[in-house]
Amino acid sequence: MASRLTSSARFQEVVQPTVQVRKPVGAFRGGLFGFLLGSTVAGASVYYYILEEYKISNEMLTEDIYALQAATQRIYSHVSEIENKMALMERKK
């Protein structure tokens, strides 16, 4: 019987009031938070990717415009030269 009292005393000593445990985040709240976080990260990465592509295409378009402008100037100078030569030939006749 003595051993029984000792065992009960041990169990009583071991059992302590439990500390209140925080409730884990529910599946709905965790899923919603994960979805919003994932959407934000994906949206930001797509935004920066499109922004970089826009800059590259804008630079290429600007280079093409300058090349077209230079070609137009060359054609204009050649046409002016031809017109001047034609005018000289008309005067010589």
PDB file of N, CA and C in Angstrom:
ATOM      1  N   MET A   1       0.805  -1.185   0.000  1.00  0.00           N
ATOM      2  CA  MET A   1       0.000   0.000   0.000  1.00  0.00           C
ATOM      3  C   MET A   1       0.856   1.259   0.000  1.00  0.00           C
ATOM      4  N   ALA A   2       2.017   1.128   0.646  1.00  0.00           N
ATOM      5  CA  ALA A   2       2.901   2.286   0.696  1.00  0.00           C
ATOM      6  C   ALA A   2       3.382   2.655  -0.691  1.00  0.00           C
ATOM      7  N   SER A   3       3.630   1.645  -1.484  1.00  0.00           N
ATOM      8  CA  SER A   3       4.096   1.939  -2.832  1.00  0.00           C
ATOM      9  C   SER A   3       3.007   2.635  -3.639  1.00  0.00           C
ATOM     10  N   ARG A   4       1.777   2.313  -3.305  1.00  0.00           N
ATOM     11  CA  ARG A   4       0.677   2.940  -4.018  1.00  0.00           C
ATOM     12  C   ARG A   4       0.581   4.429  -3.675  1.00  0.00           C
ATOM     13  N   LEU A   5       0.780   4.759  -2.442  1.00  0.00           N
ATOM     14  CA  LEU A   5       0.743   6.160  -2.055  1.00  0.00           C
ATOM     15  C   LEU A   5       1.901   6.922  -2.687  1.00  0.00           C
ATOM     16  N   THR A   6       3.016   6.281  -2.736  1.00  0.00           N
ATOM     17  CA  THR A   6       4.174   6.942  -3.341  1.00  0.00           C
ATOM     18  C   THR A   6       3.921   7.192  -4.821  1.00  0.00           C
ATOM     19  N   SER A   7       3.356   6.205  -5.492  1.00  0.00           N
ATOM     20  CA  SER A   7       3.062   6.375  -6.912  1.00  0.00           C
ATOM     21  C   SER A   7       2.077   7.505  -7.121  1.00  0.00           C
ATOM     22  N   SER A   8       1.036   7.550  -6.267  1.00  0.00           N
ATOM     23  CA  SER A   8       0.061   8.623  -6.420  1.00  0.00           C
ATOM     24  C   SER A   8       0.707   9.968  -6.156  1.00  0.00           C
ATOM     25  N   ALA A   9       1.589  10.019  -5.193  1.00  0.00           N
ATOM     26  CA  ALA A   9       2.256  11.279  -4.899  1.00  0.00           C
ATOM     27  C   ALA A   9       3.112  11.705  -6.093  1.00  0.00           C
ATOM     28  N   ARG A  10       3.769  10.732  -6.710  1.00  0.00           N
ATOM     29  CA  ARG A  10       4.597  11.068  -7.879  1.00  0.00           C
ATOM     30  C   ARG A  10       3.724  11.611  -9.014  1.00  0.00           C
ATOM     31  N   PHE A  11       2.617  10.954  -9.251  1.00  0.00           N
ATOM     32  CA  PHE A  11       1.748  11.417 -10.333  1.00  0.00           C
ATOM     33  C   PHE A  11       1.200  12.803 -10.053  1.00  0.00           C
ATOM     34  N   GLN A  12       0.926  13.062  -8.801  1.00  0.00           N
ATOM     35  CA  GLN A  12       0.407  14.378  -8.452  1.00  0.00           C
ATOM     36  C   GLN A  12       1.479  15.437  -8.633  1.00  0.00           C
ATOM     37  N   GLU A  13       2.711  15.098  -8.357  1.00  0.00           N
ATOM     38  CA  GLU A  13       3.784  16.066  -8.531  1.00  0.00           C
ATOM     39  C   GLU A  13       4.048  16.327 -10.007  1.00  0.00           C
ATOM     40  N   VAL A  14       3.984  15.311 -10.832  1.00  0.00           N
ATOM     41  CA  VAL A  14       4.288  15.442 -12.249  1.00  0.00           C
ATOM     42  C   VAL A  14       3.223  16.264 -12.965  1.00  0.00           C
ATOM     43  N   VAL A  15       1.984  16.054 -12.595  1.00  0.00           N
ATOM     44  CA  VAL A  15       0.893  16.763 -13.250  1.00  0.00           C
ATOM     45  C   VAL A  15       0.927  18.204 -12.790  1.00  0.00           C
ATOM     46  N   GLN A  16       1.237  19.080 -13.727  1.00  0.00           N
ATOM     47  CA  GLN A  16       1.283  20.512 -13.448  1.00  0.00           C
ATOM     48  C   GLN A  16       0.276  21.189 -14.351  1.00  0.00           C
ATOM     49  N   PRO A  17      -0.109  22.350 -13.970  1.00  0.00           N
ATOM     50  CA  PRO A  17      -1.048  23.048 -14.853  1.00  0.00           C
ATOM     51  C   PRO A  17      -0.358  23.336 -16.198  1.00  0.00           C
ATOM     52  N   THR A  18      -1.062  23.054 -17.261  1.00  0.00           N
ATOM     53  CA  THR A  18      -0.474  23.231 -18.600  1.00  0.00           C
ATOM     54  C   THR A  18      -0.506  24.698 -18.996  1.00  0.00           C
ATOM     55  N   VAL A  19       0.504  25.087 -19.702  1.00  0.00           N
ATOM     56  CA  VAL A  19       0.568  26.442 -20.223  1.00  0.00           C
ATOM     57  C   VAL A  19      -0.374  26.510 -21.415  1.00  0.00           C
ATOM     58  N   GLN A  20      -1.106  27.586 -21.504  1.00  0.00           N
ATOM     59  CA  GLN A  20      -2.076  27.694 -22.596  1.00  0.00           C
ATOM     60  C   GLN A  20      -1.324  27.809 -23.919  1.00  0.00           C
ATOM     61  N   VAL A  21      -1.621  26.914 -24.797  1.00  0.00           N
ATOM     62  CA  VAL A  21      -0.940  26.839 -26.081  1.00  0.00           C
ATOM     63  C   VAL A  21      -1.677  27.727 -27.073  1.00  0.00           C
ATOM     64  N   ARG A  22      -0.888  28.468 -27.895  1.00  0.00           N
ATOM     65  CA  ARG A  22      -1.512  29.290 -28.933  1.00  0.00           C
ATOM     66  C   ARG A  22      -2.198  28.394 -29.946  1.00  0.00           C
ATOM     67  N   LYS A  23      -3.309  28.835 -30.412  1.00  0.00           N
ATOM     68  CA  LYS A  23      -4.004  28.061 -31.428  1.00  0.00           C
ATOM     69  C   LYS A  23      -3.217  28.177 -32.727  1.00  0.00           C
ATOM     70  N   PRO A  24      -3.050  27.083 -33.420  1.00  0.00           N
ATOM     71  CA  PRO A  24      -2.353  27.178 -34.694  1.00  0.00           C
ATOM     72  C   PRO A  24      -3.207  27.933 -35.708  1.00  0.00           C
ATOM     73  N   VAL A  25      -2.518  28.522 -36.660  1.00  0.00           N
ATOM     74  CA  VAL A  25      -3.241  29.257 -37.695  1.00  0.00           C
ATOM     75  C   VAL A  25      -4.078  28.261 -38.458  1.00  0.00           C
ATOM     76  N   GLY A  26      -5.314  28.582 -38.659  1.00  0.00           N
ATOM     77  CA  GLY A  26      -6.220  27.667 -39.335  1.00  0.00           C
ATOM     78  C   GLY A  26      -5.839  27.490 -40.790  1.00  0.00           C
ATOM     79  N   ALA A  27      -6.319  26.435 -41.368  1.00  0.00           N
ATOM     80  CA  ALA A  27      -6.001  26.134 -42.760  1.00  0.00           C
ATOM     81  C   ALA A  27      -6.517  27.237 -43.674  1.00  0.00           C
ATOM     82  N   PHE A  28      -7.686  27.769 -43.362  1.00  0.00           N
ATOM     83  CA  PHE A  28      -8.247  28.820 -44.212  1.00  0.00           C
ATOM     84  C   PHE A  28      -7.402  30.071 -44.150  1.00  0.00           C
ATOM     85  N   ARG A  29      -7.059  30.500 -42.927  1.00  0.00           N
ATOM     86  CA  ARG A  29      -6.250  31.715 -42.787  1.00  0.00           C
ATOM     87  C   ARG A  29      -4.859  31.520 -43.364  1.00  0.00           C
ATOM     88  N   GLY A  30      -4.260  30.369 -43.121  1.00  0.00           N
ATOM     89  CA  GLY A  30      -2.929  30.084 -43.662  1.00  0.00           C
ATOM     90  C   GLY A  30      -2.953  30.002 -45.176  1.00  0.00           C
ATOM     91  N   GLY A  31      -3.974  29.384 -45.710  1.00  0.00           N
ATOM     92  CA  GLY A  31      -4.108  29.281 -47.160  1.00  0.00           C
ATOM     93  C   GLY A  31      -4.331  30.631 -47.794  1.00  0.00           C
ATOM     94  N   LEU A  32      -5.146  31.449 -47.164  1.00  0.00           N
ATOM     95  CA  LEU A  32      -5.402  32.790 -47.680  1.00  0.00           C
ATOM     96  C   LEU A  32      -4.134  33.627 -47.642  1.00  0.00           C
ATOM     97  N   PHE A  33      -3.421  33.552 -46.538  1.00  0.00           N
ATOM     98  CA  PHE A  33      -2.172  34.302 -46.420  1.00  0.00           C
ATOM     99  C   PHE A  33      -1.156  33.822 -47.468  1.00  0.00           C
ATOM    100  N   GLY A  34      -1.041  32.530 -47.649  1.00  0.00           N
ATOM    101  CA  GLY A  34      -0.119  31.983 -48.648  1.00  0.00           C
ATOM    102  C   GLY A  34      -0.510  32.393 -50.050  1.00  0.00           C
ATOM    103  N   PHE A  35      -1.794  32.369 -50.338  1.00  0.00           N
ATOM    104  CA  PHE A  35      -2.266  32.785 -51.664  1.00  0.00           C
ATOM    105  C   PHE A  35      -1.938  34.243 -51.921  1.00  0.00           C
ATOM    106  N   LEU A  36      -2.229  35.104 -50.942  1.00  0.00           N
ATOM    107  CA  LEU A  36      -1.949  36.529 -51.116  1.00  0.00           C
ATOM    108  C   LEU A  36      -0.450  36.783 -51.247  1.00  0.00           C
ATOM    109  N   LEU A  37       0.349  36.106 -50.450  1.00  0.00           N
ATOM    110  CA  LEU A  37       1.793  36.272 -50.534  1.00  0.00           C
ATOM    111  C   LEU A  37       2.309  35.793 -51.890  1.00  0.00           C
ATOM    112  N   GLY A  38       1.858  34.641 -52.331  1.00  0.00           N
ATOM    113  CA  GLY A  38       2.280  34.114 -53.626  1.00  0.00           C
ATOM    114  C   GLY A  38       1.838  35.001 -54.781  1.00  0.00           C
ATOM    115  N   SER A  39       0.615  35.498 -54.709  1.00  0.00           N
ATOM    116  CA  SER A  39       0.114  36.386 -55.760  1.00  0.00           C
ATOM    117  C   SER A  39       0.914  37.676 -55.812  1.00  0.00           C
ATOM    118  N   THR A  40       1.252  38.203 -54.661  1.00  0.00           N
ATOM    119  CA  THR A  40       2.026  39.449 -54.609  1.00  0.00           C
ATOM    120  C   THR A  40       3.424  39.241 -55.191  1.00  0.00           C
ATOM    121  N   VAL A  41       4.065  38.162 -54.802  1.00  0.00           N
ATOM    122  CA  VAL A  41       5.414  37.881 -55.312  1.00  0.00           C
ATOM    123  C   VAL A  41       5.373  37.633 -56.818  1.00  0.00           C
ATOM    124  N   ALA A  42       4.403  36.866 -57.280  1.00  0.00           N
ATOM    125  CA  ALA A  42       4.286  36.590 -58.715  1.00  0.00           C
ATOM    126  C   ALA A  42       3.973  37.866 -59.480  1.00  0.00           C
ATOM    127  N   GLY A  43       3.081  38.680 -58.950  1.00  0.00           N
ATOM    128  CA  GLY A  43       2.738  39.941 -59.607  1.00  0.00           C
ATOM    129  C   GLY A  43       3.925  40.885 -59.693  1.00  0.00           C
ATOM    130  N   ALA A  44       4.687  40.971 -58.621  1.00  0.00           N
ATOM    131  CA  ALA A  44       5.862  41.854 -58.619  1.00  0.00           C
ATOM    132  C   ALA A  44       6.909  41.360 -59.612  1.00  0.00           C
ATOM    133  N   SER A  45       7.119  40.053 -59.655  1.00  0.00           N
ATOM    134  CA  SER A  45       8.126  39.540 -60.591  1.00  0.00           C
ATOM    135  C   SER A  45       7.680  39.734 -62.035  1.00  0.00           C
ATOM    136  N   VAL A  46       6.409  39.545 -62.325  1.00  0.00           N
ATOM    137  CA  VAL A  46       5.900  39.786 -63.678  1.00  0.00           C
ATOM    138  C   VAL A  46       6.010  41.263 -64.027  1.00  0.00           C
ATOM    139  N   TYR A  47       5.712  42.131 -63.073  1.00  0.00           N
ATOM    140  CA  TYR A  47       5.808  43.575 -63.308  1.00  0.00           C
ATOM    141  C   TYR A  47       7.234  43.966 -63.692  1.00  0.00           C
ATOM    142  N   TYR A  48       8.214  43.496 -62.934  1.00  0.00           N
ATOM    143  CA  TYR A  48       9.597  43.852 -63.237  1.00  0.00           C
ATOM    144  C   TYR A  48      10.076  43.209 -64.533  1.00  0.00           C
ATOM    145  N   TYR A  49       9.593  42.013 -64.850  1.00  0.00           N
ATOM    146  CA  TYR A  49       9.950  41.372 -66.123  1.00  0.00           C
ATOM    147  C   TYR A  49       9.393  42.182 -67.298  1.00  0.00           C
ATOM    148  N   ILE A  50       8.131  42.574 -67.200  1.00  0.00           N
ATOM    149  CA  ILE A  50       7.518  43.358 -68.282  1.00  0.00           C
ATOM    150  C   ILE A  50       8.174  44.724 -68.384  1.00  0.00           C
ATOM    151  N   LEU A  51       8.508  45.326 -67.254  1.00  0.00           N
ATOM    152  CA  LEU A  51       9.179  46.620 -67.269  1.00  0.00           C
ATOM    153  C   LEU A  51      10.527  46.526 -67.972  1.00  0.00           C
ATOM    154  N   GLU A  52      11.292  45.472 -67.708  1.00  0.00           N
ATOM    155  CA  GLU A  52      12.591  45.270 -68.358  1.00  0.00           C
ATOM    156  C   GLU A  52      12.414  45.042 -69.860  1.00  0.00           C
ATOM    157  N   GLU A  53      11.426  44.235 -70.234  1.00  0.00           N
ATOM    158  CA  GLU A  53      11.151  43.995 -71.652  1.00  0.00           C
ATOM    159  C   GLU A  53      10.737  45.286 -72.350  1.00  0.00           C
ATOM    160  N   TYR A  54       9.957  46.119 -71.669  1.00  0.00           N
ATOM    161  CA  TYR A  54       9.538  47.401 -72.229  1.00  0.00           C
ATOM    162  C   TYR A  54      10.743  48.300 -72.468  1.00  0.00           C
ATOM    163  N   LYS A  55      11.660  48.342 -71.512  1.00  0.00           N
ATOM    164  CA  LYS A  55      12.858  49.174 -71.682  1.00  0.00           C
ATOM    165  C   LYS A  55      13.682  48.703 -72.870  1.00  0.00           C
ATOM    166  N   ILE A  56      13.853  47.392 -73.003  1.00  0.00           N
ATOM    167  CA  ILE A  56      14.644  46.847 -74.107  1.00  0.00           C
ATOM    168  C   ILE A  56      13.980  47.164 -75.439  1.00  0.00           C
ATOM    169  N   SER A  57      12.673  46.941 -75.534  1.00  0.00           N
ATOM    170  CA  SER A  57      11.984  47.212 -76.795  1.00  0.00           C
ATOM    171  C   SER A  57      11.969  48.701 -77.105  1.00  0.00           C
ATOM    172  N   ASN A  58      11.880  49.533 -76.086  1.00  0.00           N
ATOM    173  CA  ASN A  58      11.905  50.975 -76.293  1.00  0.00           C
ATOM    174  C   ASN A  58      13.267  51.421 -76.821  1.00  0.00           C
ATOM    175  N   GLU A  59      14.346  50.866 -76.283  1.00  0.00           N
ATOM    176  CA  GLU A  59      15.684  51.197 -76.769  1.00  0.00           C
ATOM    177  C   GLU A  59      15.870  50.743 -78.217  1.00  0.00           C
ATOM    178  N   MET A  60      15.368  49.551 -78.533  1.00  0.00           N
ATOM    179  CA  MET A  60      15.481  49.057 -79.903  1.00  0.00           C
ATOM    180  C   MET A  60      14.691  49.932 -80.863  1.00  0.00           C
ATOM    181  N   LEU A  61      13.509  50.352 -80.457  1.00  0.00           N
ATOM    182  CA  LEU A  61      12.690  51.217 -81.301  1.00  0.00           C
ATOM    183  C   LEU A  61      13.367  52.564 -81.507  1.00  0.00           C
ATOM    184  N   THR A  62      13.964  53.102 -80.461  1.00  0.00           N
ATOM    185  CA  THR A  62      14.669  54.379 -80.576  1.00  0.00           C
ATOM    186  C   THR A  62      15.849  54.254 -81.539  1.00  0.00           C
ATOM    187  N   GLU A  63      16.599  53.157 -81.444  1.00  0.00           N
ATOM    188  CA  GLU A  63      17.707  52.941 -82.372  1.00  0.00           C
ATOM    189  C   GLU A  63      17.209  52.846 -83.804  1.00  0.00           C
ATOM    190  N   ASP A  64      16.091  52.153 -84.013  1.00  0.00           N
ATOM    191  CA  ASP A  64      15.524  52.043 -85.357  1.00  0.00           C
ATOM    192  C   ASP A  64      15.067  53.398 -85.884  1.00  0.00           C
ATOM    193  N   ILE A  65      14.511  54.220 -85.026  1.00  0.00           N
ATOM    194  CA  ILE A  65      14.080  55.555 -85.444  1.00  0.00           C
ATOM    195  C   ILE A  65      15.281  56.389 -85.859  1.00  0.00           C
ATOM    196  N   TYR A  66      16.369  56.321 -85.084  1.00  0.00           N
ATOM    197  CA  TYR A  66      17.571  57.074 -85.450  1.00  0.00           C
ATOM    198  C   TYR A  66      18.169  56.556 -86.753  1.00  0.00           C
ATOM    199  N   ALA A  67      18.155  55.241 -86.951  1.00  0.00           N
ATOM    200  CA  ALA A  67      18.662  54.669 -88.206  1.00  0.00           C
ATOM    201  C   ALA A  67      17.799  55.115 -89.379  1.00  0.00           C
ATOM    202  N   LEU A  68      16.493  55.140 -89.206  1.00  0.00           N
ATOM    203  CA  LEU A  68      15.589  55.602 -90.258  1.00  0.00           C
ATOM    204  C   LEU A  68      15.804  57.074 -90.557  1.00  0.00           C
ATOM    205  N   GLN A  69      16.024  57.849 -89.516  1.00  0.00           N
ATOM    206  CA  GLN A  69      16.284  59.280 -89.709  1.00  0.00           C
ATOM    207  C   GLN A  69      17.587  59.487 -90.479  1.00  0.00           C
ATOM    208  N   ALA A  70      18.631  58.731 -90.171  1.00  0.00           N
ATOM    209  CA  ALA A  70      19.905  58.850 -90.887  1.00  0.00           C
ATOM    210  C   ALA A  70      19.736  58.425 -92.345  1.00  0.00           C
ATOM    211  N   ALA A  71      18.989  57.354 -92.598  1.00  0.00           N
ATOM    212  CA  ALA A  71      18.758  56.901 -93.974  1.00  0.00           C
ATOM    213  C   ALA A  71      17.960  57.939 -94.746  1.00  0.00           C
ATOM    214  N   THR A  72      16.991  58.550 -94.114  1.00  0.00           N
ATOM    215  CA  THR A  72      16.194  59.587 -94.764  1.00  0.00           C
ATOM    216  C   THR A  72      17.061  60.795 -95.109  1.00  0.00           C
ATOM    217  N   GLN A  73      17.955  61.167 -94.225  1.00  0.00           N
ATOM    218  CA  GLN A  73      18.863  62.288 -94.496  1.00  0.00           C
ATOM    219  C   GLN A  73      19.782  61.969 -95.670  1.00  0.00           C
ATOM    220  N   ARG A  74      20.285  60.733 -95.728  1.00  0.00           N
ATOM    221  CA  ARG A  74      21.148  60.348 -96.855  1.00  0.00           C
ATOM    222  C   ARG A  74      20.374  60.387 -98.170  1.00  0.00           C
ATOM    223  N   ILE A  75      19.157  59.862 -98.156  1.00  0.00           N
ATOM    224  CA  ILE A  75      18.343  59.881 -99.375  1.00  0.00           C
ATOM    225  C   ILE A  75      18.048  61.314 -99.778  1.00  0.00           C
ATOM    226  N   TYR A  76      17.726  62.151 -98.810  1.00  0.00           N
ATOM    227  CA  TYR A  76      17.442  63.554 -99.105  1.00  0.00           C
ATOM    228  C   TYR A  76      18.657  64.234 -99.730  1.00  0.00           C
ATOM    229  N   SER A  77      19.853  63.954 -99.191  1.00  0.00           N
ATOM    230  CA  SER A  77      21.057  64.577 -99.755  1.00  0.00           C
ATOM    231  C   SER A  77      21.335  64.047-101.170  1.00  0.00           C
ATOM    232  N   HIS A  78      21.102  62.747-101.418  1.00  0.00           N
ATOM    233  CA  HIS A  78      21.298  62.194-102.759  1.00  0.00           C
ATOM    234  C   HIS A  78      20.296  62.785-103.744  1.00  0.00           C
ATOM    235  N   VAL A  79      19.056  62.919-103.336  1.00  0.00           N
ATOM    236  CA  VAL A  79      18.038  63.502-104.212  1.00  0.00           C
ATOM    237  C   VAL A  79      18.366  64.962-104.505  1.00  0.00           C
ATOM    238  N   SER A  80      18.809  65.701-103.497  1.00  0.00           N
ATOM    239  CA  SER A  80      19.190  67.107-103.714  1.00  0.00           C
ATOM    240  C   SER A  80      20.356  67.190-104.684  1.00  0.00           C
ATOM    241  N   GLU A  81      21.314  66.303-104.557  1.00  0.00           N
ATOM    242  CA  GLU A  81      22.470  66.274-105.457  1.00  0.00           C
ATOM    243  C   GLU A  81      22.028  65.981-106.892  1.00  0.00           C
ATOM    244  N   ILE A  82      21.145  65.021-107.046  1.00  0.00           N
ATOM    245  CA  ILE A  82      20.647  64.671-108.376  1.00  0.00           C
ATOM    246  C   ILE A  82      19.865  65.840-108.967  1.00  0.00           C
ATOM    247  N   GLU A  83      19.041  66.503-108.160  1.00  0.00           N
ATOM    248  CA  GLU A  83      18.287  67.661-108.653  1.00  0.00           C
ATOM    249  C   GLU A  83      19.226  68.778-109.084  1.00  0.00           C
ATOM    250  N   ASN A  84      20.286  68.998-108.317  1.00  0.00           N
ATOM    251  CA  ASN A  84      21.256  70.050-108.690  1.00  0.00           C
ATOM    252  C   ASN A  84      21.946  69.703-110.012  1.00  0.00           C
ATOM    253  N   LYS A  85      22.329  68.435-110.187  1.00  0.00           N
ATOM    254  CA  LYS A  85      22.964  68.016-111.433  1.00  0.00           C
ATOM    255  C   LYS A  85      21.995  68.132-112.602  1.00  0.00           C
ATOM    256  N   MET A  86      20.723  67.809-112.374  1.00  0.00           N
ATOM    257  CA  MET A  86      19.717  67.941-113.428  1.00  0.00           C
ATOM    258  C   MET A  86      19.532  69.407-113.799  1.00  0.00           C
ATOM    259  N   ALA A  87      19.528  70.272-112.795  1.00  0.00           N
ATOM    260  CA  ALA A  87      19.384  71.720-113.062  1.00  0.00           C
ATOM    261  C   ALA A  87      20.569  72.229-113.860  1.00  0.00           C
ATOM    262  N   LEU A  88      21.788  71.790-113.559  1.00  0.00           N
ATOM    263  CA  LEU A  88      22.973  72.193-114.301  1.00  0.00           C
ATOM    264  C   LEU A  88      22.914  71.699-115.741  1.00  0.00           C
ATOM    265  N   MET A  89      22.444  70.497-115.930  1.00  0.00           N
ATOM    266  CA  MET A  89      22.347  69.932-117.269  1.00  0.00           C
ATOM    267  C   MET A  89      21.289  70.699-118.084  1.00  0.00           C
ATOM    268  N   GLU A  90      20.224  71.141-117.462  1.00  0.00           N
ATOM    269  CA  GLU A  90      19.178  71.898-118.163  1.00  0.00           C
ATOM    270  C   GLU A  90      19.709  73.261-118.580  1.00  0.00           C
ATOM    271  N   ARG A  91      20.540  73.855-117.754  1.00  0.00           N
ATOM    272  CA  ARG A  91      21.096  75.176-118.101  1.00  0.00           C
ATOM    273  C   ARG A  91      22.090  75.077-119.248  1.00  0.00           C
ATOM    274  N   LYS A  92      22.837  73.974-119.326  1.00  0.00           N
ATOM    275  CA  LYS A  92      23.830  73.811-120.373  1.00  0.00           C
ATOM    276  C   LYS A  92      23.162  73.607-121.741  1.00  0.00           C
ATOM    277  N   LYS A  93      21.984  73.144-121.793  1.00  0.00           N
ATOM    278  CA  LYS A  93      21.310  72.915-123.074  1.00  0.00           C
ATOM    279  C   LYS A  93      20.948  74.184-123.688  1.00  0.00           C
TER     280      LYS A  93
END
